[in-house]
Amino acid sequence: AAFLKLLMPVIVVLPGLAAVLLAPDIGR
């Protein structure tokens, strides 16, 4: 589980980071 936790930001955080450039005006 600890190793899986190291991977989780790629799955749950990176899409939000990508939205900074791909959807800069989403509002919420």
mmCIF file of all heavy atoms, coordinates in Angstrom:
data_MODEL
# 
_entry.id   MODEL 
# 
loop_
_atom_site.group_PDB 
_atom_site.id 
_atom_site.type_symbol 
_atom_site.label_atom_id 
_atom_site.label_alt_id 
_atom_site.label_comp_id 
_atom_site.label_asym_id 
_atom_site.label_entity_id 
_atom_site.label_seq_id 
_atom_site.pdbx_PDB_ins_code 
_atom_site.Cartn_x 
_atom_site.Cartn_y 
_atom_site.Cartn_z 
_atom_site.occupancy 
_atom_site.B_iso_or_equiv 
_atom_site.pdbx_formal_charge 
_atom_site.auth_seq_id 
_atom_site.auth_comp_id 
_atom_site.auth_asym_id 
_atom_site.auth_atom_id 
_atom_site.pdbx_PDB_model_num 
ATOM 1   N N   . ALA A 1 1  ? 0.830   -1.209 0.000   1.00 0.00 ? 1  ALA A N   1 
ATOM 2   C CA  . ALA A 1 1  ? 0.000   0.000  0.000   1.00 0.00 ? 1  ALA A CA  1 
ATOM 3   C C   . ALA A 1 1  ? 0.863   1.257  0.000   1.00 0.00 ? 1  ALA A C   1 
ATOM 4   O O   . ALA A 1 1  ? 0.512   2.258  -0.643  1.00 0.00 ? 1  ALA A O   1 
ATOM 5   C CB  . ALA A 1 1  ? -0.929  -0.002 1.217   1.00 0.00 ? 1  ALA A CB  1 
ATOM 6   N N   . ALA A 1 2  ? 1.994   1.233  0.707   1.00 0.00 ? 2  ALA A N   1 
ATOM 7   C CA  . ALA A 1 2  ? 2.891   2.401  0.726   1.00 0.00 ? 2  ALA A CA  1 
ATOM 8   C C   . ALA A 1 2  ? 3.434   2.701  -0.664  1.00 0.00 ? 2  ALA A C   1 
ATOM 9   O O   . ALA A 1 2  ? 3.508   3.864  -1.084  1.00 0.00 ? 2  ALA A O   1 
ATOM 10  C CB  . ALA A 1 2  ? 4.034   2.155  1.711   1.00 0.00 ? 2  ALA A CB  1 
ATOM 11  N N   . PHE A 1 3  ? 3.806   1.660  -1.396  1.00 0.00 ? 3  PHE A N   1 
ATOM 12  C CA  . PHE A 1 3  ? 4.282   1.881  -2.770  1.00 0.00 ? 3  PHE A CA  1 
ATOM 13  C C   . PHE A 1 3  ? 3.160   2.425  -3.660  1.00 0.00 ? 3  PHE A C   1 
ATOM 14  O O   . PHE A 1 3  ? 3.392   3.316  -4.500  1.00 0.00 ? 3  PHE A O   1 
ATOM 15  C CB  . PHE A 1 3  ? 4.827   0.577  -3.356  1.00 0.00 ? 3  PHE A CB  1 
ATOM 16  C CG  . PHE A 1 3  ? 6.261   0.301  -2.980  1.00 0.00 ? 3  PHE A CG  1 
ATOM 17  C CD1 . PHE A 1 3  ? 6.570   -0.696 -2.078  1.00 0.00 ? 3  PHE A CD1 1 
ATOM 18  C CD2 . PHE A 1 3  ? 7.294   1.045  -3.521  1.00 0.00 ? 3  PHE A CD2 1 
ATOM 19  C CE1 . PHE A 1 3  ? 7.887   -0.957 -1.719  1.00 0.00 ? 3  PHE A CE1 1 
ATOM 20  C CE2 . PHE A 1 3  ? 8.613   0.796  -3.180  1.00 0.00 ? 3  PHE A CE2 1 
ATOM 21  C CZ  . PHE A 1 3  ? 8.913   -0.213 -2.268  1.00 0.00 ? 3  PHE A CZ  1 
ATOM 22  N N   . LEU A 1 4  ? 1.956   1.905  -3.489  1.00 0.00 ? 4  LEU A N   1 
ATOM 23  C CA  . LEU A 1 4  ? 0.829   2.429  -4.259  1.00 0.00 ? 4  LEU A CA  1 
ATOM 24  C C   . LEU A 1 4  ? 0.565   3.896  -3.915  1.00 0.00 ? 4  LEU A C   1 
ATOM 25  O O   . LEU A 1 4  ? 0.195   4.685  -4.791  1.00 0.00 ? 4  LEU A O   1 
ATOM 26  C CB  . LEU A 1 4  ? -0.424  1.592  -3.999  1.00 0.00 ? 4  LEU A CB  1 
ATOM 27  C CG  . LEU A 1 4  ? -0.435  0.187  -4.592  1.00 0.00 ? 4  LEU A CG  1 
ATOM 28  C CD1 . LEU A 1 4  ? -1.665  -0.584 -4.129  1.00 0.00 ? 4  LEU A CD1 1 
ATOM 29  C CD2 . LEU A 1 4  ? -0.399  0.239  -6.120  1.00 0.00 ? 4  LEU A CD2 1 
ATOM 30  N N   . LYS A 1 5  ? 0.770   4.268  -2.655  1.00 0.00 ? 5  LYS A N   1 
ATOM 31  C CA  . LYS A 1 5  ? 0.568   5.652  -2.248  1.00 0.00 ? 5  LYS A CA  1 
ATOM 32  C C   . LYS A 1 5  ? 1.544   6.603  -2.956  1.00 0.00 ? 5  LYS A C   1 
ATOM 33  O O   . LYS A 1 5  ? 1.213   7.763  -3.228  1.00 0.00 ? 5  LYS A O   1 
ATOM 34  C CB  . LYS A 1 5  ? 0.729   5.789  -0.728  1.00 0.00 ? 5  LYS A CB  1 
ATOM 35  C CG  . LYS A 1 5  ? -0.562  5.625  0.038   1.00 0.00 ? 5  LYS A CG  1 
ATOM 36  C CD  . LYS A 1 5  ? -1.511  6.764  -0.301  1.00 0.00 ? 5  LYS A CD  1 
ATOM 37  C CE  . LYS A 1 5  ? -2.870  6.590  0.299   1.00 0.00 ? 5  LYS A CE  1 
ATOM 38  N NZ  . LYS A 1 5  ? -3.814  7.604  -0.155  1.00 0.00 ? 5  LYS A NZ  1 
ATOM 39  N N   . LEU A 1 6  ? 2.746   6.116  -3.240  1.00 0.00 ? 6  LEU A N   1 
ATOM 40  C CA  . LEU A 1 6  ? 3.707   6.943  -3.976  1.00 0.00 ? 6  LEU A CA  1 
ATOM 41  C C   . LEU A 1 6  ? 3.199   7.257  -5.382  1.00 0.00 ? 6  LEU A C   1 
ATOM 42  O O   . LEU A 1 6  ? 3.495   8.310  -5.941  1.00 0.00 ? 6  LEU A O   1 
ATOM 43  C CB  . LEU A 1 6  ? 5.054   6.226  -4.066  1.00 0.00 ? 6  LEU A CB  1 
ATOM 44  C CG  . LEU A 1 6  ? 5.781   5.959  -2.749  1.00 0.00 ? 6  LEU A CG  1 
ATOM 45  C CD1 . LEU A 1 6  ? 7.073   5.184  -3.014  1.00 0.00 ? 6  LEU A CD1 1 
ATOM 46  C CD2 . LEU A 1 6  ? 6.102   7.263  -2.014  1.00 0.00 ? 6  LEU A CD2 1 
ATOM 47  N N   . LEU A 1 7  ? 2.414   6.333  -5.931  1.00 0.00 ? 7  LEU A N   1 
ATOM 48  C CA  . LEU A 1 7  ? 1.886   6.498  -7.289  1.00 0.00 ? 7  LEU A CA  1 
ATOM 49  C C   . LEU A 1 7  ? 0.620   7.345  -7.340  1.00 0.00 ? 7  LEU A C   1 
ATOM 50  O O   . LEU A 1 7  ? 0.310   7.957  -8.372  1.00 0.00 ? 7  LEU A O   1 
ATOM 51  C CB  . LEU A 1 7  ? 1.611   5.114  -7.881  1.00 0.00 ? 7  LEU A CB  1 
ATOM 52  C CG  . LEU A 1 7  ? 1.043   5.026  -9.294  1.00 0.00 ? 7  LEU A CG  1 
ATOM 53  C CD1 . LEU A 1 7  ? 2.040   5.593  -10.303 1.00 0.00 ? 7  LEU A CD1 1 
ATOM 54  C CD2 . LEU A 1 7  ? 0.705   3.572  -9.640  1.00 0.00 ? 7  LEU A CD2 1 
ATOM 55  N N   . MET A 1 8  ? -0.125  7.410  -6.242  1.00 0.00 ? 8  MET A N   1 
ATOM 56  C CA  . MET A 1 8  ? -1.450  8.024  -6.254  1.00 0.00 ? 8  MET A CA  1 
ATOM 57  C C   . MET A 1 8  ? -1.495  9.473  -6.752  1.00 0.00 ? 8  MET A C   1 
ATOM 58  O O   . MET A 1 8  ? -2.445  9.852  -7.438  1.00 0.00 ? 8  MET A O   1 
ATOM 59  C CB  . MET A 1 8  ? -2.088  7.933  -4.868  1.00 0.00 ? 8  MET A CB  1 
ATOM 60  C CG  . MET A 1 8  ? -2.679  6.584  -4.518  1.00 0.00 ? 8  MET A CG  1 
ATOM 61  S SD  . MET A 1 8  ? -3.973  6.040  -5.682  1.00 0.00 ? 8  MET A SD  1 
ATOM 62  C CE  . MET A 1 8  ? -3.110  4.700  -6.497  1.00 0.00 ? 8  MET A CE  1 
ATOM 63  N N   . PRO A 1 9  ? -0.515  10.340 -6.437  1.00 0.00 ? 9  PRO A N   1 
ATOM 64  C CA  . PRO A 1 9  ? -0.605  11.711 -6.961  1.00 0.00 ? 9  PRO A CA  1 
ATOM 65  C C   . PRO A 1 9  ? -0.669  11.789 -8.480  1.00 0.00 ? 9  PRO A C   1 
ATOM 66  O O   . PRO A 1 9  ? -1.251  12.734 -9.029  1.00 0.00 ? 9  PRO A O   1 
ATOM 67  C CB  . PRO A 1 9  ? 0.669   12.373 -6.414  1.00 0.00 ? 9  PRO A CB  1 
ATOM 68  C CG  . PRO A 1 9  ? 0.928   11.650 -5.134  1.00 0.00 ? 9  PRO A CG  1 
ATOM 69  C CD  . PRO A 1 9  ? 0.566   10.222 -5.439  1.00 0.00 ? 9  PRO A CD  1 
ATOM 70  N N   . VAL A 1 10 ? -0.077  10.823 -9.169  1.00 0.00 ? 10 VAL A N   1 
ATOM 71  C CA  . VAL A 1 10 ? -0.175  10.805 -10.628 1.00 0.00 ? 10 VAL A CA  1 
ATOM 72  C C   . VAL A 1 10 ? -1.637  10.641 -11.049 1.00 0.00 ? 10 VAL A C   1 
ATOM 73  O O   . VAL A 1 10 ? -2.084  11.201 -12.054 1.00 0.00 ? 10 VAL A O   1 
ATOM 74  C CB  . VAL A 1 10 ? 0.678   9.657  -11.218 1.00 0.00 ? 10 VAL A CB  1 
ATOM 75  C CG1 . VAL A 1 10 ? 0.517   9.588  -12.733 1.00 0.00 ? 10 VAL A CG1 1 
ATOM 76  C CG2 . VAL A 1 10 ? 2.141   9.844  -10.839 1.00 0.00 ? 10 VAL A CG2 1 
ATOM 77  N N   . ILE A 1 11 ? -2.397  9.908  -10.251 1.00 0.00 ? 11 ILE A N   1 
ATOM 78  C CA  . ILE A 1 11 ? -3.779  9.593  -10.584 1.00 0.00 ? 11 ILE A CA  1 
ATOM 79  C C   . ILE A 1 11 ? -4.750  10.654 -10.076 1.00 0.00 ? 11 ILE A C   1 
ATOM 80  O O   . ILE A 1 11 ? -5.706  11.003 -10.775 1.00 0.00 ? 11 ILE A O   1 
ATOM 81  C CB  . ILE A 1 11 ? -4.142  8.209  -9.998  1.00 0.00 ? 11 ILE A CB  1 
ATOM 82  C CG1 . ILE A 1 11 ? -3.305  7.139  -10.701 1.00 0.00 ? 11 ILE A CG1 1 
ATOM 83  C CG2 . ILE A 1 11 ? -5.629  7.903  -10.128 1.00 0.00 ? 11 ILE A CG2 1 
ATOM 84  C CD1 . ILE A 1 11 ? -3.350  5.787  -10.029 1.00 0.00 ? 11 ILE A CD1 1 
ATOM 85  N N   . VAL A 1 12 ? -4.513  11.194 -8.873  1.00 0.00 ? 12 VAL A N   1 
ATOM 86  C CA  . VAL A 1 12 ? -5.505  12.087 -8.265  1.00 0.00 ? 12 VAL A CA  1 
ATOM 87  C C   . VAL A 1 12 ? -5.094  13.554 -8.262  1.00 0.00 ? 12 VAL A C   1 
ATOM 88  O O   . VAL A 1 12 ? -5.929  14.424 -7.998  1.00 0.00 ? 12 VAL A O   1 
ATOM 89  C CB  . VAL A 1 12 ? -5.838  11.647 -6.822  1.00 0.00 ? 12 VAL A CB  1 
ATOM 90  C CG1 . VAL A 1 12 ? -6.403  10.241 -6.809  1.00 0.00 ? 12 VAL A CG1 1 
ATOM 91  C CG2 . VAL A 1 12 ? -4.624  11.742 -5.903  1.00 0.00 ? 12 VAL A CG2 1 
ATOM 92  N N   . VAL A 1 13 ? -3.834  13.867 -8.538  1.00 0.00 ? 13 VAL A N   1 
ATOM 93  C CA  . VAL A 1 13 ? -3.388  15.267 -8.530  1.00 0.00 ? 13 VAL A CA  1 
ATOM 94  C C   . VAL A 1 13 ? -3.008  15.751 -9.925  1.00 0.00 ? 13 VAL A C   1 
ATOM 95  O O   . VAL A 1 13 ? -3.359  16.868 -10.332 1.00 0.00 ? 13 VAL A O   1 
ATOM 96  C CB  . VAL A 1 13 ? -2.194  15.468 -7.561  1.00 0.00 ? 13 VAL A CB  1 
ATOM 97  C CG1 . VAL A 1 13 ? -1.720  16.925 -7.602  1.00 0.00 ? 13 VAL A CG1 1 
ATOM 98  C CG2 . VAL A 1 13 ? -2.583  15.078 -6.143  1.00 0.00 ? 13 VAL A CG2 1 
ATOM 99  N N   . LEU A 1 14 ? -2.317  14.914 -10.676 1.00 0.00 ? 14 LEU A N   1 
ATOM 100 C CA  . LEU A 1 14 ? -1.827  15.330 -11.994 1.00 0.00 ? 14 LEU A CA  1 
ATOM 101 C C   . LEU A 1 14 ? -2.930  15.791 -12.947 1.00 0.00 ? 14 LEU A C   1 
ATOM 102 O O   . LEU A 1 14 ? -2.728  16.771 -13.687 1.00 0.00 ? 14 LEU A O   1 
ATOM 103 C CB  . LEU A 1 14 ? -1.012  14.195 -12.625 1.00 0.00 ? 14 LEU A CB  1 
ATOM 104 C CG  . LEU A 1 14 ? -0.241  14.533 -13.902 1.00 0.00 ? 14 LEU A CG  1 
ATOM 105 C CD1 . LEU A 1 14 ? 0.662   15.750 -13.698 1.00 0.00 ? 14 LEU A CD1 1 
ATOM 106 C CD2 . LEU A 1 14 ? 0.584   13.333 -14.368 1.00 0.00 ? 14 LEU A CD2 1 
ATOM 107 N N   . PRO A 1 15 ? -4.112  15.155 -12.985 1.00 0.00 ? 15 PRO A N   1 
ATOM 108 C CA  . PRO A 1 15 ? -5.169  15.694 -13.855 1.00 0.00 ? 15 PRO A CA  1 
ATOM 109 C C   . PRO A 1 15 ? -5.530  17.137 -13.528 1.00 0.00 ? 15 PRO A C   1 
ATOM 110 O O   . PRO A 1 15 ? -5.803  17.941 -14.433 1.00 0.00 ? 15 PRO A O   1 
ATOM 111 C CB  . PRO A 1 15 ? -6.346  14.748 -13.599 1.00 0.00 ? 15 PRO A CB  1 
ATOM 112 C CG  . PRO A 1 15 ? -5.718  13.462 -13.207 1.00 0.00 ? 15 PRO A CG  1 
ATOM 113 C CD  . PRO A 1 15 ? -4.517  13.851 -12.393 1.00 0.00 ? 15 PRO A CD  1 
ATOM 114 N N   . GLY A 1 16 ? -5.529  17.498 -12.241 1.00 0.00 ? 16 GLY A N   1 
ATOM 115 C CA  . GLY A 1 16 ? -5.796  18.878 -11.862 1.00 0.00 ? 16 GLY A CA  1 
ATOM 116 C C   . GLY A 1 16 ? -4.695  19.814 -12.308 1.00 0.00 ? 16 GLY A C   1 
ATOM 117 O O   . GLY A 1 16 ? -4.957  20.952 -12.745 1.00 0.00 ? 16 GLY A O   1 
ATOM 118 N N   . LEU A 1 17 ? -3.451  19.365 -12.222 1.00 0.00 ? 17 LEU A N   1 
ATOM 119 C CA  . LEU A 1 17 ? -2.331  20.178 -12.711 1.00 0.00 ? 17 LEU A CA  1 
ATOM 120 C C   . LEU A 1 17 ? -2.439  20.385 -14.216 1.00 0.00 ? 17 LEU A C   1 
ATOM 121 O O   . LEU A 1 17 ? -2.202  21.498 -14.717 1.00 0.00 ? 17 LEU A O   1 
ATOM 122 C CB  . LEU A 1 17 ? -1.004  19.485 -12.372 1.00 0.00 ? 17 LEU A CB  1 
ATOM 123 C CG  . LEU A 1 17 ? -0.625  19.413 -10.890 1.00 0.00 ? 17 LEU A CG  1 
ATOM 124 C CD1 . LEU A 1 17 ? 0.603   18.523 -10.703 1.00 0.00 ? 17 LEU A CD1 1 
ATOM 125 C CD2 . LEU A 1 17 ? -0.348  20.801 -10.338 1.00 0.00 ? 17 LEU A CD2 1 
ATOM 126 N N   . ALA A 1 18 ? -2.790  19.327 -14.939 1.00 0.00 ? 18 ALA A N   1 
ATOM 127 C CA  . ALA A 1 18 ? -2.931  19.453 -16.391 1.00 0.00 ? 18 ALA A CA  1 
ATOM 128 C C   . ALA A 1 18 ? -4.027  20.438 -16.762 1.00 0.00 ? 18 ALA A C   1 
ATOM 129 O O   . ALA A 1 18 ? -3.925  21.161 -17.763 1.00 0.00 ? 18 ALA A O   1 
ATOM 130 C CB  . ALA A 1 18 ? -3.221  18.080 -17.003 1.00 0.00 ? 18 ALA A CB  1 
ATOM 131 N N   . ALA A 1 19 ? -5.073  20.504 -15.941 1.00 0.00 ? 19 ALA A N   1 
ATOM 132 C CA  . ALA A 1 19 ? -6.184  21.423 -16.223 1.00 0.00 ? 19 ALA A CA  1 
ATOM 133 C C   . ALA A 1 19 ? -5.763  22.885 -16.136 1.00 0.00 ? 19 ALA A C   1 
ATOM 134 O O   . ALA A 1 19 ? -6.436  23.755 -16.702 1.00 0.00 ? 19 ALA A O   1 
ATOM 135 C CB  . ALA A 1 19 ? -7.334  21.155 -15.263 1.00 0.00 ? 19 ALA A CB  1 
ATOM 136 N N   . VAL A 1 20 ? -4.663  23.171 -15.455 1.00 0.00 ? 20 VAL A N   1 
ATOM 137 C CA  . VAL A 1 20 ? -4.167  24.554 -15.379 1.00 0.00 ? 20 VAL A CA  1 
ATOM 138 C C   . VAL A 1 20 ? -3.893  25.094 -16.781 1.00 0.00 ? 20 VAL A C   1 
ATOM 139 O O   . VAL A 1 20 ? -4.167  26.269 -17.081 1.00 0.00 ? 20 VAL A O   1 
ATOM 140 C CB  . VAL A 1 20 ? -2.888  24.619 -14.512 1.00 0.00 ? 20 VAL A CB  1 
ATOM 141 C CG1 . VAL A 1 20 ? -2.274  26.018 -14.557 1.00 0.00 ? 20 VAL A CG1 1 
ATOM 142 C CG2 . VAL A 1 20 ? -3.202  24.226 -13.073 1.00 0.00 ? 20 VAL A CG2 1 
ATOM 143 N N   . LEU A 1 21 ? -3.361  24.239 -17.670 1.00 0.00 ? 21 LEU A N   1 
ATOM 144 C CA  . LEU A 1 21 ? -3.103  24.669 -19.045 1.00 0.00 ? 21 LEU A CA  1 
ATOM 145 C C   . LEU A 1 21 ? -4.244  24.324 -19.993 1.00 0.00 ? 21 LEU A C   1 
ATOM 146 O O   . LEU A 1 21 ? -4.539  25.084 -20.911 1.00 0.00 ? 21 LEU A O   1 
ATOM 147 C CB  . LEU A 1 21 ? -1.810  24.017 -19.558 1.00 0.00 ? 21 LEU A CB  1 
ATOM 148 C CG  . LEU A 1 21 ? -0.506  24.384 -18.840 1.00 0.00 ? 21 LEU A CG  1 
ATOM 149 C CD1 . LEU A 1 21 ? 0.684   23.807 -19.597 1.00 0.00 ? 21 LEU A CD1 1 
ATOM 150 C CD2 . LEU A 1 21 ? -0.351  25.895 -18.700 1.00 0.00 ? 21 LEU A CD2 1 
ATOM 151 N N   . LEU A 1 22 ? -4.894  23.191 -19.771 1.00 0.00 ? 22 LEU A N   1 
ATOM 152 C CA  . LEU A 1 22 ? -5.919  22.744 -20.716 1.00 0.00 ? 22 LEU A CA  1 
ATOM 153 C C   . LEU A 1 22 ? -7.280  23.384 -20.476 1.00 0.00 ? 22 LEU A C   1 
ATOM 154 O O   . LEU A 1 22 ? -8.090  23.481 -21.398 1.00 0.00 ? 22 LEU A O   1 
ATOM 155 C CB  . LEU A 1 22 ? -6.057  21.221 -20.636 1.00 0.00 ? 22 LEU A CB  1 
ATOM 156 C CG  . LEU A 1 22 ? -4.847  20.418 -21.133 1.00 0.00 ? 22 LEU A CG  1 
ATOM 157 C CD1 . LEU A 1 22 ? -5.078  18.927 -20.903 1.00 0.00 ? 22 LEU A CD1 1 
ATOM 158 C CD2 . LEU A 1 22 ? -4.574  20.688 -22.607 1.00 0.00 ? 22 LEU A CD2 1 
ATOM 159 N N   . ALA A 1 23 ? -7.555  23.800 -19.246 1.00 0.00 ? 23 ALA A N   1 
ATOM 160 C CA  . ALA A 1 23 ? -8.855  24.409 -18.926 1.00 0.00 ? 23 ALA A CA  1 
ATOM 161 C C   . ALA A 1 23 ? -8.660  25.513 -17.896 1.00 0.00 ? 23 ALA A C   1 
ATOM 162 O O   . ALA A 1 23 ? -9.121  25.415 -16.758 1.00 0.00 ? 23 ALA A O   1 
ATOM 163 C CB  . ALA A 1 23 ? -9.814  23.352 -18.409 1.00 0.00 ? 23 ALA A CB  1 
ATOM 164 N N   . PRO A 1 24 ? -7.959  26.581 -18.265 1.00 0.00 ? 24 PRO A N   1 
ATOM 165 C CA  . PRO A 1 24 ? -7.610  27.619 -17.287 1.00 0.00 ? 24 PRO A CA  1 
ATOM 166 C C   . PRO A 1 24 ? -8.802  28.421 -16.772 1.00 0.00 ? 24 PRO A C   1 
ATOM 167 O O   . PRO A 1 24 ? -8.681  29.109 -15.760 1.00 0.00 ? 24 PRO A O   1 
ATOM 168 C CB  . PRO A 1 24 ? -6.648  28.513 -18.068 1.00 0.00 ? 24 PRO A CB  1 
ATOM 169 C CG  . PRO A 1 24 ? -7.008  28.303 -19.506 1.00 0.00 ? 24 PRO A CG  1 
ATOM 170 C CD  . PRO A 1 24 ? -7.435  26.879 -19.609 1.00 0.00 ? 24 PRO A CD  1 
ATOM 171 N N   . ASP A 1 25 ? -9.947  28.336 -17.413 1.00 0.00 ? 25 ASP A N   1 
ATOM 172 C CA  . ASP A 1 25 ? -11.092 29.169 -17.033 1.00 0.00 ? 25 ASP A CA  1 
ATOM 173 C C   . ASP A 1 25 ? -12.279 28.344 -16.529 1.00 0.00 ? 25 ASP A C   1 
ATOM 174 O O   . ASP A 1 25 ? -13.437 28.730 -16.724 1.00 0.00 ? 25 ASP A O   1 
ATOM 175 C CB  . ASP A 1 25 ? -11.541 30.012 -18.240 1.00 0.00 ? 25 ASP A CB  1 
ATOM 176 C CG  . ASP A 1 25 ? -10.434 30.914 -18.749 1.00 0.00 ? 25 ASP A CG  1 
ATOM 177 O OD1 . ASP A 1 25 ? -9.730  31.518 -17.922 1.00 0.00 ? 25 ASP A OD1 1 
ATOM 178 O OD2 . ASP A 1 25 ? -10.275 31.006 -19.983 1.00 0.00 ? 25 ASP A OD2 1 
ATOM 179 N N   . ILE A 1 26 ? -12.011 27.225 -15.876 1.00 0.00 ? 26 ILE A N   1 
ATOM 180 C CA  . ILE A 1 26 ? -13.122 26.370 -15.458 1.00 0.00 ? 26 ILE A CA  1 
ATOM 181 C C   . ILE A 1 26 ? -13.904 26.940 -14.280 1.00 0.00 ? 26 ILE A C   1 
ATOM 182 O O   . ILE A 1 26 ? -15.017 26.518 -13.996 1.00 0.00 ? 26 ILE A O   1 
ATOM 183 C CB  . ILE A 1 26 ? -12.643 24.949 -15.106 1.00 0.00 ? 26 ILE A CB  1 
ATOM 184 C CG1 . ILE A 1 26 ? -11.588 24.984 -13.981 1.00 0.00 ? 26 ILE A CG1 1 
ATOM 185 C CG2 . ILE A 1 26 ? -12.135 24.228 -16.312 1.00 0.00 ? 26 ILE A CG2 1 
ATOM 186 C CD1 . ILE A 1 26 ? -11.205 23.593 -13.502 1.00 0.00 ? 26 ILE A CD1 1 
ATOM 187 N N   . GLY A 1 27 ? -13.332 27.899 -13.555 1.00 0.00 ? 27 GLY A N   1 
ATOM 188 C CA  . GLY A 1 27 ? -14.058 28.500 -12.431 1.00 0.00 ? 27 GLY A CA  1 
ATOM 189 C C   . GLY A 1 27 ? -13.841 27.717 -11.150 1.00 0.00 ? 27 GLY A C   1 
ATOM 190 O O   . GLY A 1 27 ? -12.951 28.010 -10.367 1.00 0.00 ? 27 GLY A O   1 
ATOM 191 N N   . ARG A 1 28 ? -14.655 26.700 -10.909 1.00 0.00 ? 28 ARG A N   1 
ATOM 192 C CA  . ARG A 1 28 ? -14.548 25.912 -9.683  1.00 0.00 ? 28 ARG A CA  1 
ATOM 193 C C   . ARG A 1 28 ? -13.457 24.860 -9.828  1.00 0.00 ? 28 ARG A C   1 
ATOM 194 O O   . ARG A 1 28 ? -13.479 24.057 -10.765 1.00 0.00 ? 28 ARG A O   1 
ATOM 195 C CB  . ARG A 1 28 ? -15.877 25.229 -9.362  1.00 0.00 ? 28 ARG A CB  1 
ATOM 196 C CG  . ARG A 1 28 ? -16.990 26.184 -8.961  1.00 0.00 ? 28 ARG A CG  1 
ATOM 197 C CD  . ARG A 1 28 ? -18.273 25.443 -8.619  1.00 0.00 ? 28 ARG A CD  1 
ATOM 198 N NE  . ARG A 1 28 ? -18.112 24.634 -7.419  1.00 0.00 ? 28 ARG A NE  1 
ATOM 199 C CZ  . ARG A 1 28 ? -18.053 23.296 -7.425  1.00 0.00 ? 28 ARG A CZ  1 
ATOM 200 N NH1 . ARG A 1 28 ? -18.122 22.633 -8.552  1.00 0.00 ? 28 ARG A NH1 1 
ATOM 201 N NH2 . ARG A 1 28 ? -17.924 22.646 -6.287  1.00 0.00 ? 28 ARG A NH2 1 
# 
